[in-house]
Amino acid sequence: MTKADLIAKISEKLGIEKGDVQATIETFMSEVKNSLESGDNVYLRGFGSFIIKTRAEKTGRNISQNTTIKIPAHNIPAFKPAKVFVEGVKTNVAVK
């Protein structure tokens, strides 16, 4: 499902114009991004959490130059689904 599909589906279910739904979704994504960039996690009860994970410093390889490089510690955004969400996917989606 793409963002356009999501907008169309919400617009159809709620009877709201697509432009208004798109503005709402864009604002939601912007607020989640701004919150994470400022160091705050976002918790959506029953859905999941957008959190900041810290990756430790590690050693990597530049295979084109056959040298070792040091990858510094850094933070990345991550999503952790709620238990209800995980259980719903486990029971409703067939294993491929």
PDB file of N, CA and C in Angstrom:
ATOM      1  N   MET A   1       0.845  -1.173   0.000  1.00  0.00           N
ATOM      2  CA  MET A   1       0.000   0.000   0.000  1.00  0.00           C
ATOM      3  C   MET A   1       0.891   1.237   0.000  1.00  0.00           C
ATOM      4  N   THR A   2       0.593   2.162  -0.877  1.00  0.00           N
ATOM      5  CA  THR A   2       1.350   3.404  -0.955  1.00  0.00           C
ATOM      6  C   THR A   2       0.626   4.504  -0.185  1.00  0.00           C
ATOM      7  N   LYS A   3       1.274   5.650  -0.058  1.00  0.00           N
ATOM      8  CA  LYS A   3       0.646   6.782   0.626  1.00  0.00           C
ATOM      9  C   LYS A   3      -0.626   7.199  -0.114  1.00  0.00           C
ATOM     10  N   ALA A   4      -0.596   7.175  -1.440  1.00  0.00           N
ATOM     11  CA  ALA A   4      -1.769   7.540  -2.238  1.00  0.00           C
ATOM     12  C   ALA A   4      -2.920   6.562  -1.991  1.00  0.00           C
ATOM     13  N   ASP A   5      -2.602   5.264  -1.893  1.00  0.00           N
ATOM     14  CA  ASP A   5      -3.626   4.255  -1.598  1.00  0.00           C
ATOM     15  C   ASP A   5      -4.235   4.501  -0.220  1.00  0.00           C
ATOM     16  N   LEU A   6      -3.387   4.812   0.745  1.00  0.00           N
ATOM     17  CA  LEU A   6      -3.841   5.082   2.102  1.00  0.00           C
ATOM     18  C   LEU A   6      -4.761   6.302   2.129  1.00  0.00           C
ATOM     19  N   ILE A   7      -4.377   7.355   1.431  1.00  0.00           N
ATOM     20  CA  ILE A   7      -5.199   8.566   1.368  1.00  0.00           C
ATOM     21  C   ILE A   7      -6.559   8.261   0.742  1.00  0.00           C
ATOM     22  N   ALA A   8      -6.560   7.510  -0.355  1.00  0.00           N
ATOM     23  CA  ALA A   8      -7.808   7.163  -1.034  1.00  0.00           C
ATOM     24  C   ALA A   8      -8.718   6.339  -0.134  1.00  0.00           C
ATOM     25  N   LYS A   9      -8.147   5.377   0.583  1.00  0.00           N
ATOM     26  CA  LYS A   9      -8.938   4.501   1.441  1.00  0.00           C
ATOM     27  C   LYS A   9      -9.549   5.275   2.614  1.00  0.00           C
ATOM     28  N   ILE A  10      -8.758   6.138   3.256  1.00  0.00           N
ATOM     29  CA  ILE A  10      -9.271   6.931   4.381  1.00  0.00           C
ATOM     30  C   ILE A  10     -10.333   7.908   3.888  1.00  0.00           C
ATOM     31  N   SER A  11     -10.091   8.530   2.747  1.00  0.00           N
ATOM     32  CA  SER A  11     -11.051   9.466   2.173  1.00  0.00           C
ATOM     33  C   SER A  11     -12.380   8.781   1.888  1.00  0.00           C
ATOM     34  N   GLU A  12     -12.305   7.583   1.332  1.00  0.00           N
ATOM     35  CA  GLU A  12     -13.512   6.815   1.010  1.00  0.00           C
ATOM     36  C   GLU A  12     -14.262   6.402   2.275  1.00  0.00           C
ATOM     37  N   LYS A  13     -13.547   5.911   3.291  1.00  0.00           N
ATOM     38  CA  LYS A  13     -14.193   5.431   4.519  1.00  0.00           C
ATOM     39  C   LYS A  13     -14.826   6.554   5.332  1.00  0.00           C
ATOM     40  N   LEU A  14     -14.165   7.716   5.383  1.00  0.00           N
ATOM     41  CA  LEU A  14     -14.648   8.801   6.234  1.00  0.00           C
ATOM     42  C   LEU A  14     -15.453   9.860   5.483  1.00  0.00           C
ATOM     43  N   GLY A  15     -15.430   9.824   4.156  1.00  0.00           N
ATOM     44  CA  GLY A  15     -16.153  10.807   3.375  1.00  0.00           C
ATOM     45  C   GLY A  15     -15.520  12.189   3.429  1.00  0.00           C
ATOM     46  N   ILE A  16     -14.219  12.230   3.626  1.00  0.00           N
ATOM     47  CA  ILE A  16     -13.473  13.487   3.668  1.00  0.00           C
ATOM     48  C   ILE A  16     -12.731  13.630   2.345  1.00  0.00           C
ATOM     49  N   GLU A  17     -12.569  14.869   1.886  1.00  0.00           N
ATOM     50  CA  GLU A  17     -11.872  15.094   0.623  1.00  0.00           C
ATOM     51  C   GLU A  17     -10.418  14.622   0.706  1.00  0.00           C
ATOM     52  N   LYS A  18      -9.923  14.124  -0.415  1.00  0.00           N
ATOM     53  CA  LYS A  18      -8.555  13.587  -0.458  1.00  0.00           C
ATOM     54  C   LYS A  18      -7.507  14.630  -0.079  1.00  0.00           C
ATOM     55  N   GLY A  19      -7.717  15.872  -0.464  1.00  0.00           N
ATOM     56  CA  GLY A  19      -6.766  16.926  -0.132  1.00  0.00           C
ATOM     57  C   GLY A  19      -6.640  17.127   1.366  1.00  0.00           C
ATOM     58  N   ASP A  20      -7.767  17.053   2.081  1.00  0.00           N
ATOM     59  CA  ASP A  20      -7.741  17.202   3.539  1.00  0.00           C
ATOM     60  C   ASP A  20      -7.056  16.012   4.205  1.00  0.00           C
ATOM     61  N   VAL A  21      -7.331  14.816   3.691  1.00  0.00           N
ATOM     62  CA  VAL A  21      -6.703  13.610   4.238  1.00  0.00           C
ATOM     63  C   VAL A  21      -5.196  13.654   3.984  1.00  0.00           C
ATOM     64  N   GLN A  22      -4.809  14.079   2.787  1.00  0.00           N
ATOM     65  CA  GLN A  22      -3.382  14.165   2.463  1.00  0.00           C
ATOM     66  C   GLN A  22      -2.681  15.160   3.376  1.00  0.00           C
ATOM     67  N   ALA A  23      -3.305  16.306   3.629  1.00  0.00           N
ATOM     68  CA  ALA A  23      -2.713  17.304   4.518  1.00  0.00           C
ATOM     69  C   ALA A  23      -2.559  16.747   5.927  1.00  0.00           C
ATOM     70  N   THR A  24      -3.547  15.984   6.380  1.00  0.00           N
ATOM     71  CA  THR A  24      -3.494  15.376   7.716  1.00  0.00           C
ATOM     72  C   THR A  24      -2.356  14.364   7.813  1.00  0.00           C
ATOM     73  N   ILE A  25      -2.245  13.503   6.812  1.00  0.00           N
ATOM     74  CA  ILE A  25      -1.193  12.481   6.827  1.00  0.00           C
ATOM     75  C   ILE A  25       0.186  13.129   6.723  1.00  0.00           C
ATOM     76  N   GLU A  26       0.338  14.121   5.863  1.00  0.00           N
ATOM     77  CA  GLU A  26       1.617  14.820   5.730  1.00  0.00           C
ATOM     78  C   GLU A  26       2.008  15.492   7.046  1.00  0.00           C
ATOM     79  N   THR A  27       1.029  16.106   7.725  1.00  0.00           N
ATOM     80  CA  THR A  27       1.295  16.757   9.006  1.00  0.00           C
ATOM     81  C   THR A  27       1.674  15.728  10.061  1.00  0.00           C
ATOM     82  N   PHE A  28       0.983  14.585  10.093  1.00  0.00           N
ATOM     83  CA  PHE A  28       1.311  13.515  11.035  1.00  0.00           C
ATOM     84  C   PHE A  28       2.750  13.053  10.843  1.00  0.00           C
ATOM     85  N   MET A  29       3.122  12.766   9.590  1.00  0.00           N
ATOM     86  CA  MET A  29       4.482  12.288   9.317  1.00  0.00           C
ATOM     87  C   MET A  29       5.514  13.351   9.671  1.00  0.00           C
ATOM     88  N   SER A  30       5.206  14.599   9.399  1.00  0.00           N
ATOM     89  CA  SER A  30       6.113  15.691   9.722  1.00  0.00           C
ATOM     90  C   SER A  30       6.313  15.815  11.232  1.00  0.00           C
ATOM     91  N   GLU A  31       5.240  15.684  11.996  1.00  0.00           N
ATOM     92  CA  GLU A  31       5.332  15.791  13.452  1.00  0.00           C
ATOM     93  C   GLU A  31       6.108  14.625  14.056  1.00  0.00           C
ATOM     94  N   VAL A  32       5.908  13.413  13.525  1.00  0.00           N
ATOM     95  CA  VAL A  32       6.679  12.259  13.996  1.00  0.00           C
ATOM     96  C   VAL A  32       8.154  12.483  13.710  1.00  0.00           C
ATOM     97  N   LYS A  33       8.466  12.936  12.498  1.00  0.00           N
ATOM     98  CA  LYS A  33       9.860  13.197  12.105  1.00  0.00           C
ATOM     99  C   LYS A  33      10.475  14.279  12.997  1.00  0.00           C
ATOM    100  N   ASN A  34       9.755  15.375  13.199  1.00  0.00           N
ATOM    101  CA  ASN A  34      10.270  16.467  14.036  1.00  0.00           C
ATOM    102  C   ASN A  34      10.499  16.011  15.475  1.00  0.00           C
ATOM    103  N   SER A  35       9.601  15.197  15.986  1.00  0.00           N
ATOM    104  CA  SER A  35       9.740  14.687  17.349  1.00  0.00           C
ATOM    105  C   SER A  35      10.988  13.819  17.481  1.00  0.00           C
ATOM    106  N   LEU A  36      11.191  12.910  16.533  1.00  0.00           N
ATOM    107  CA  LEU A  36      12.367  12.045  16.578  1.00  0.00           C
ATOM    108  C   LEU A  36      13.652  12.850  16.392  1.00  0.00           C
ATOM    109  N   GLU A  37      13.624  13.845  15.515  1.00  0.00           N
ATOM    110  CA  GLU A  37      14.814  14.664  15.290  1.00  0.00           C
ATOM    111  C   GLU A  37      15.179  15.487  16.520  1.00  0.00           C
ATOM    112  N   SER A  38      14.182  15.788  17.363  1.00  0.00           N
ATOM    113  CA  SER A  38      14.463  16.542  18.588  1.00  0.00           C
ATOM    114  C   SER A  38      14.786  15.613  19.762  1.00  0.00           C
ATOM    115  N   GLY A  39      14.802  14.293  19.510  1.00  0.00           N
ATOM    116  CA  GLY A  39      15.201  13.338  20.539  1.00  0.00           C
ATOM    117  C   GLY A  39      14.062  12.732  21.332  1.00  0.00           C
ATOM    118  N   ASP A  40      12.815  13.000  20.933  1.00  0.00           N
ATOM    119  CA  ASP A  40      11.652  12.457  21.645  1.00  0.00           C
ATOM    120  C   ASP A  40      11.051  11.289  20.879  1.00  0.00           C
ATOM    121  N   ASN A  41      10.699  10.213  21.597  1.00  0.00           N
ATOM    122  CA  ASN A  41      10.008   9.086  20.990  1.00  0.00           C
ATOM    123  C   ASN A  41       8.526   9.409  20.841  1.00  0.00           C
ATOM    124  N   VAL A  42       7.836   8.691  19.934  1.00  0.00           N
ATOM    125  CA  VAL A  42       6.404   8.872  19.722  1.00  0.00           C
ATOM    126  C   VAL A  42       5.723   7.539  20.036  1.00  0.00           C
ATOM    127  N   TYR A  43       4.764   7.565  20.969  1.00  0.00           N
ATOM    128  CA  TYR A  43       4.060   6.355  21.399  1.00  0.00           C
ATOM    129  C   TYR A  43       2.610   6.428  20.963  1.00  0.00           C
ATOM    130  N   LEU A  44       2.165   5.442  20.173  1.00  0.00           N
ATOM    131  CA  LEU A  44       0.777   5.353  19.728  1.00  0.00           C
ATOM    132  C   LEU A  44       0.198   4.065  20.292  1.00  0.00           C
ATOM    133  N   ARG A  45      -0.535   4.190  21.400  1.00  0.00           N
ATOM    134  CA  ARG A  45      -1.069   3.035  22.105  1.00  0.00           C
ATOM    135  C   ARG A  45      -1.916   2.161  21.181  1.00  0.00           C
ATOM    136  N   GLY A  46      -1.651   0.860  21.170  1.00  0.00           N
ATOM    137  CA  GLY A  46      -2.368  -0.083  20.331  1.00  0.00           C
ATOM    138  C   GLY A  46      -1.828  -0.201  18.918  1.00  0.00           C
ATOM    139  N   PHE A  47      -0.889   0.676  18.536  1.00  0.00           N
ATOM    140  CA  PHE A  47      -0.302   0.633  17.199  1.00  0.00           C
ATOM    141  C   PHE A  47       1.181   0.341  17.265  1.00  0.00           C
ATOM    142  N   GLY A  48       1.920   1.186  17.990  1.00  0.00           N
ATOM    143  CA  GLY A  48       3.353   0.972  18.129  1.00  0.00           C
ATOM    144  C   GLY A  48       4.063   2.246  18.513  1.00  0.00           C
ATOM    145  N   SER A  49       5.387   2.181  18.505  1.00  0.00           N
ATOM    146  CA  SER A  49       6.209   3.313  18.922  1.00  0.00           C
ATOM    147  C   SER A  49       7.263   3.611  17.867  1.00  0.00           C
ATOM    148  N   PHE A  50       7.428   4.891  17.583  1.00  0.00           N
ATOM    149  CA  PHE A  50       8.527   5.349  16.757  1.00  0.00           C
ATOM    150  C   PHE A  50       9.611   5.761  17.739  1.00  0.00           C
ATOM    151  N   ILE A  51      10.742   5.063  17.699  1.00  0.00           N
ATOM    152  CA  ILE A  51      11.772   5.271  18.706  1.00  0.00           C
ATOM    153  C   ILE A  51      13.116   5.564  18.049  1.00  0.00           C
ATOM    154  N   ILE A  52      14.040   6.034  18.875  1.00  0.00           N
ATOM    155  CA  ILE A  52      15.401   6.286  18.424  1.00  0.00           C
ATOM    156  C   ILE A  52      16.283   5.169  18.970  1.00  0.00           C
ATOM    157  N   LYS A  53      16.983   4.476  18.085  1.00  0.00           N
ATOM    158  CA  LYS A  53      17.907   3.424  18.498  1.00  0.00           C
ATOM    159  C   LYS A  53      19.328   3.921  18.307  1.00  0.00           C
ATOM    160  N   THR A  54      20.202   3.561  19.225  1.00  0.00           N
ATOM    161  CA  THR A  54      21.600   3.937  19.131  1.00  0.00           C
ATOM    162  C   THR A  54      22.412   2.747  18.637  1.00  0.00           C
ATOM    163  N   ARG A  55      23.147   2.962  17.589  1.00  0.00           N
ATOM    164  CA  ARG A  55      24.059   1.942  17.051  1.00  0.00           C
ATOM    165  C   ARG A  55      25.450   2.200  17.627  1.00  0.00           C
ATOM    166  N   ALA A  56      26.085   1.185  18.124  1.00  0.00           N
ATOM    167  CA  ALA A  56      27.420   1.311  18.707  1.00  0.00           C
ATOM    168  C   ALA A  56      28.467   1.505  17.605  1.00  0.00           C
ATOM    169  N   GLU A  57      29.616   2.030  18.000  1.00  0.00           N
ATOM    170  CA  GLU A  57      30.733   2.181  17.066  1.00  0.00           C
ATOM    171  C   GLU A  57      31.199   0.790  16.648  1.00  0.00           C
ATOM    172  N   LYS A  58      31.556   0.641  15.376  1.00  0.00           N
ATOM    173  CA  LYS A  58      32.049  -0.656  14.917  1.00  0.00           C
ATOM    174  C   LYS A  58      33.052  -0.471  13.797  1.00  0.00           C
ATOM    175  N   THR A  59      33.723  -1.559  13.478  1.00  0.00           N
ATOM    176  CA  THR A  59      34.714  -1.555  12.421  1.00  0.00           C
ATOM    177  C   THR A  59      34.095  -2.182  11.179  1.00  0.00           C
ATOM    178  N   GLY A  60      34.284  -1.524  10.029  1.00  0.00           N
ATOM    179  CA  GLY A  60      33.768  -2.038   8.772  1.00  0.00           C
ATOM    180  C   GLY A  60      34.883  -2.168   7.755  1.00  0.00           C
ATOM    181  N   ARG A  61      34.531  -2.616   6.554  1.00  0.00           N
ATOM    182  CA  ARG A  61      35.533  -2.786   5.496  1.00  0.00           C
ATOM    183  C   ARG A  61      35.102  -2.026   4.262  1.00  0.00           C
ATOM    184  N   ASN A  62      36.043  -1.332   3.667  1.00  0.00           N
ATOM    185  CA  ASN A  62      35.850  -0.725   2.358  1.00  0.00           C
ATOM    186  C   ASN A  62      36.417  -1.728   1.364  1.00  0.00           C
ATOM    187  N   ILE A  63      35.549  -2.523   0.760  1.00  0.00           N
ATOM    188  CA  ILE A  63      36.045  -3.628  -0.070  1.00  0.00           C
ATOM    189  C   ILE A  63      36.684  -3.149  -1.369  1.00  0.00           C
ATOM    190  N   SER A  64      36.314  -1.963  -1.859  1.00  0.00           N
ATOM    191  CA  SER A  64      36.922  -1.488  -3.104  1.00  0.00           C
ATOM    192  C   SER A  64      38.391  -1.099  -2.898  1.00  0.00           C
ATOM    193  N   GLN A  65      38.729  -0.608  -1.701  1.00  0.00           N
ATOM    194  CA  GLN A  65      40.118  -0.230  -1.415  1.00  0.00           C
ATOM    195  C   GLN A  65      40.803  -1.237  -0.489  1.00  0.00           C
ATOM    196  N   ASN A  66      40.068  -2.263  -0.052  1.00  0.00           N
ATOM    197  CA  ASN A  66      40.572  -3.300   0.846  1.00  0.00           C
ATOM    198  C   ASN A  66      41.186  -2.687   2.119  1.00  0.00           C
ATOM    199  N   THR A  67      40.432  -1.754   2.709  1.00  0.00           N
ATOM    200  CA  THR A  67      40.896  -1.112   3.941  1.00  0.00           C
ATOM    201  C   THR A  67      39.828  -1.249   5.025  1.00  0.00           C
ATOM    202  N   THR A  68      40.272  -1.073   6.257  1.00  0.00           N
ATOM    203  CA  THR A  68      39.360  -1.101   7.392  1.00  0.00           C
ATOM    204  C   THR A  68      38.950   0.335   7.720  1.00  0.00           C
ATOM    205  N   ILE A  69      37.665   0.522   8.002  1.00  0.00           N
ATOM    206  CA  ILE A  69      37.193   1.855   8.385  1.00  0.00           C
ATOM    207  C   ILE A  69      36.453   1.760   9.715  1.00  0.00           C
ATOM    208  N   LYS A  70      36.436   2.851  10.437  1.00  0.00           N
ATOM    209  CA  LYS A  70      35.722   2.904  11.708  1.00  0.00           C
ATOM    210  C   LYS A  70      34.387   3.601  11.467  1.00  0.00           C
ATOM    211  N   ILE A  71      33.304   2.914  11.795  1.00  0.00           N
ATOM    212  CA  ILE A  71      31.973   3.492  11.663  1.00  0.00           C
ATOM    213  C   ILE A  71      31.590   4.035  13.038  1.00  0.00           C
ATOM    214  N   PRO A  72      31.395   5.350  13.162  1.00  0.00           N
ATOM    215  CA  PRO A  72      31.114   5.937  14.480  1.00  0.00           C
ATOM    216  C   PRO A  72      29.732   5.544  15.010  1.00  0.00           C
ATOM    217  N   ALA A  73      29.548   5.679  16.309  1.00  0.00           N
ATOM    218  CA  ALA A  73      28.239   5.440  16.918  1.00  0.00           C
ATOM    219  C   ALA A  73      27.258   6.463  16.354  1.00  0.00           C
ATOM    220  N   HIS A  74      26.020   6.026  16.128  1.00  0.00           N
ATOM    221  CA  HIS A  74      25.023   6.933  15.570  1.00  0.00           C
ATOM    222  C   HIS A  74      23.622   6.482  15.977  1.00  0.00           C
ATOM    223  N   ASN A  75      22.672   7.380  15.834  1.00  0.00           N
ATOM    224  CA  ASN A  75      21.276   7.086  16.138  1.00  0.00           C
ATOM    225  C   ASN A  75      20.503   6.873  14.849  1.00  0.00           C
ATOM    226  N   ILE A  76      19.511   5.966  14.895  1.00  0.00           N
ATOM    227  CA  ILE A  76      18.640   5.735  13.749  1.00  0.00           C
ATOM    228  C   ILE A  76      17.192   5.682  14.232  1.00  0.00           C
ATOM    229  N   PRO A  77      16.232   6.083  13.384  1.00  0.00           N
ATOM    230  CA  PRO A  77      14.828   5.940  13.754  1.00  0.00           C
ATOM    231  C   PRO A  77      14.399   4.489  13.558  1.00  0.00           C
ATOM    232  N   ALA A  78      13.468   4.031  14.386  1.00  0.00           N
ATOM    233  CA  ALA A  78      12.969   2.663  14.283  1.00  0.00           C
ATOM    234  C   ALA A  78      11.500   2.642  14.680  1.00  0.00           C
ATOM    235  N   PHE A  79      10.793   1.607  14.247  1.00  0.00           N
ATOM    236  CA  PHE A  79       9.400   1.421  14.630  1.00  0.00           C
ATOM    237  C   PHE A  79       9.278   0.106  15.374  1.00  0.00           C
ATOM    238  N   LYS A  80       8.646   0.140  16.533  1.00  0.00           N
ATOM    239  CA  LYS A  80       8.405  -1.069  17.311  1.00  0.00           C
ATOM    240  C   LYS A  80       6.897  -1.253  17.415  1.00  0.00           C
ATOM    241  N   PRO A  81       6.325  -2.267  16.749  1.00  0.00           N
ATOM    242  CA  PRO A  81       4.876  -2.455  16.780  1.00  0.00           C
ATOM    243  C   PRO A  81       4.385  -2.903  18.157  1.00  0.00           C
ATOM    244  N   ALA A  82       3.132  -2.542  18.469  1.00  0.00           N
ATOM    245  CA  ALA A  82       2.506  -2.953  19.724  1.00  0.00           C
ATOM    246  C   ALA A  82       2.200  -4.447  19.676  1.00  0.00           C
ATOM    247  N   LYS A  83       2.071  -5.066  20.839  1.00  0.00           N
ATOM    248  CA  LYS A  83       1.798  -6.506  20.907  1.00  0.00           C
ATOM    249  C   LYS A  83       0.508  -6.870  20.185  1.00  0.00           C
ATOM    250  N   VAL A  84      -0.525  -6.034  20.305  1.00  0.00           N
ATOM    251  CA  VAL A  84      -1.807  -6.281  19.635  1.00  0.00           C
ATOM    252  C   VAL A  84      -1.611  -6.283  18.121  1.00  0.00           C
ATOM    253  N   PHE A  85      -0.802  -5.366  17.635  1.00  0.00           N
ATOM    254  CA  PHE A  85      -0.488  -5.257  16.214  1.00  0.00           C
ATOM    255  C   PHE A  85       0.228  -6.527  15.734  1.00  0.00           C
ATOM    256  N   VAL A  86       1.242  -6.943  16.469  1.00  0.00           N
ATOM    257  CA  VAL A  86       2.024  -8.135  16.115  1.00  0.00           C
ATOM    258  C   VAL A  86       1.141  -9.373  16.094  1.00  0.00           C
ATOM    259  N   GLU A  87       0.311  -9.532  17.105  1.00  0.00           N
ATOM    260  CA  GLU A  87      -0.576 -10.703  17.175  1.00  0.00           C
ATOM    261  C   GLU A  87      -1.570 -10.714  16.020  1.00  0.00           C
ATOM    262  N   GLY A  88      -2.102  -9.555  15.649  1.00  0.00           N
ATOM    263  CA  GLY A  88      -3.022  -9.467  14.524  1.00  0.00           C
ATOM    264  C   GLY A  88      -2.378  -9.911  13.226  1.00  0.00           C
ATOM    265  N   VAL A  89      -1.147  -9.499  12.995  1.00  0.00           N
ATOM    266  CA  VAL A  89      -0.435  -9.903  11.779  1.00  0.00           C
ATOM    267  C   VAL A  89      -0.137 -11.398  11.824  1.00  0.00           C
ATOM    268  N   LYS A  90       0.287 -11.899  12.985  1.00  0.00           N
ATOM    269  CA  LYS A  90       0.603 -13.330  13.102  1.00  0.00           C
ATOM    270  C   LYS A  90      -0.602 -14.203  12.792  1.00  0.00           C
ATOM    271  N   THR A  91      -1.775 -13.817  13.275  1.00  0.00           N
ATOM    272  CA  THR A  91      -2.964 -14.663  13.101  1.00  0.00           C
ATOM    273  C   THR A  91      -3.661 -14.460  11.765  1.00  0.00           C
ATOM    274  N   ASN A  92      -3.516 -13.293  11.127  1.00  0.00           N
ATOM    275  CA  ASN A  92      -4.272 -13.007   9.916  1.00  0.00           C
ATOM    276  C   ASN A  92      -3.499 -13.110   8.622  1.00  0.00           C
ATOM    277  N   VAL A  93      -2.169 -13.169   8.671  1.00  0.00           N
ATOM    278  CA  VAL A  93      -1.372 -13.214   7.450  1.00  0.00           C
ATOM    279  C   VAL A  93      -0.728 -14.593   7.334  1.00  0.00           C
ATOM    280  N   ALA A  94      -0.986 -15.232   6.196  1.00  0.00           N
ATOM    281  CA  ALA A  94      -0.415 -16.564   5.971  1.00  0.00           C
ATOM    282  C   ALA A  94       1.086 -16.468   5.703  1.00  0.00           C
ATOM    283  N   VAL A  95       1.807 -17.479   6.150  1.00  0.00           N
ATOM    284  CA  VAL A  95       3.247 -17.550   5.928  1.00  0.00           C
ATOM    285  C   VAL A  95       3.466 -17.943   4.470  1.00  0.00           C
ATOM    286  N   LYS A  96       4.358 -17.224   3.798  1.00  0.00           N
ATOM    287  CA  LYS A  96       4.613 -17.494   2.368  1.00  0.00           C
ATOM    288  C   LYS A  96       5.677 -18.516   2.185  1.00  0.00           C
TER     289      LYS A  96
END
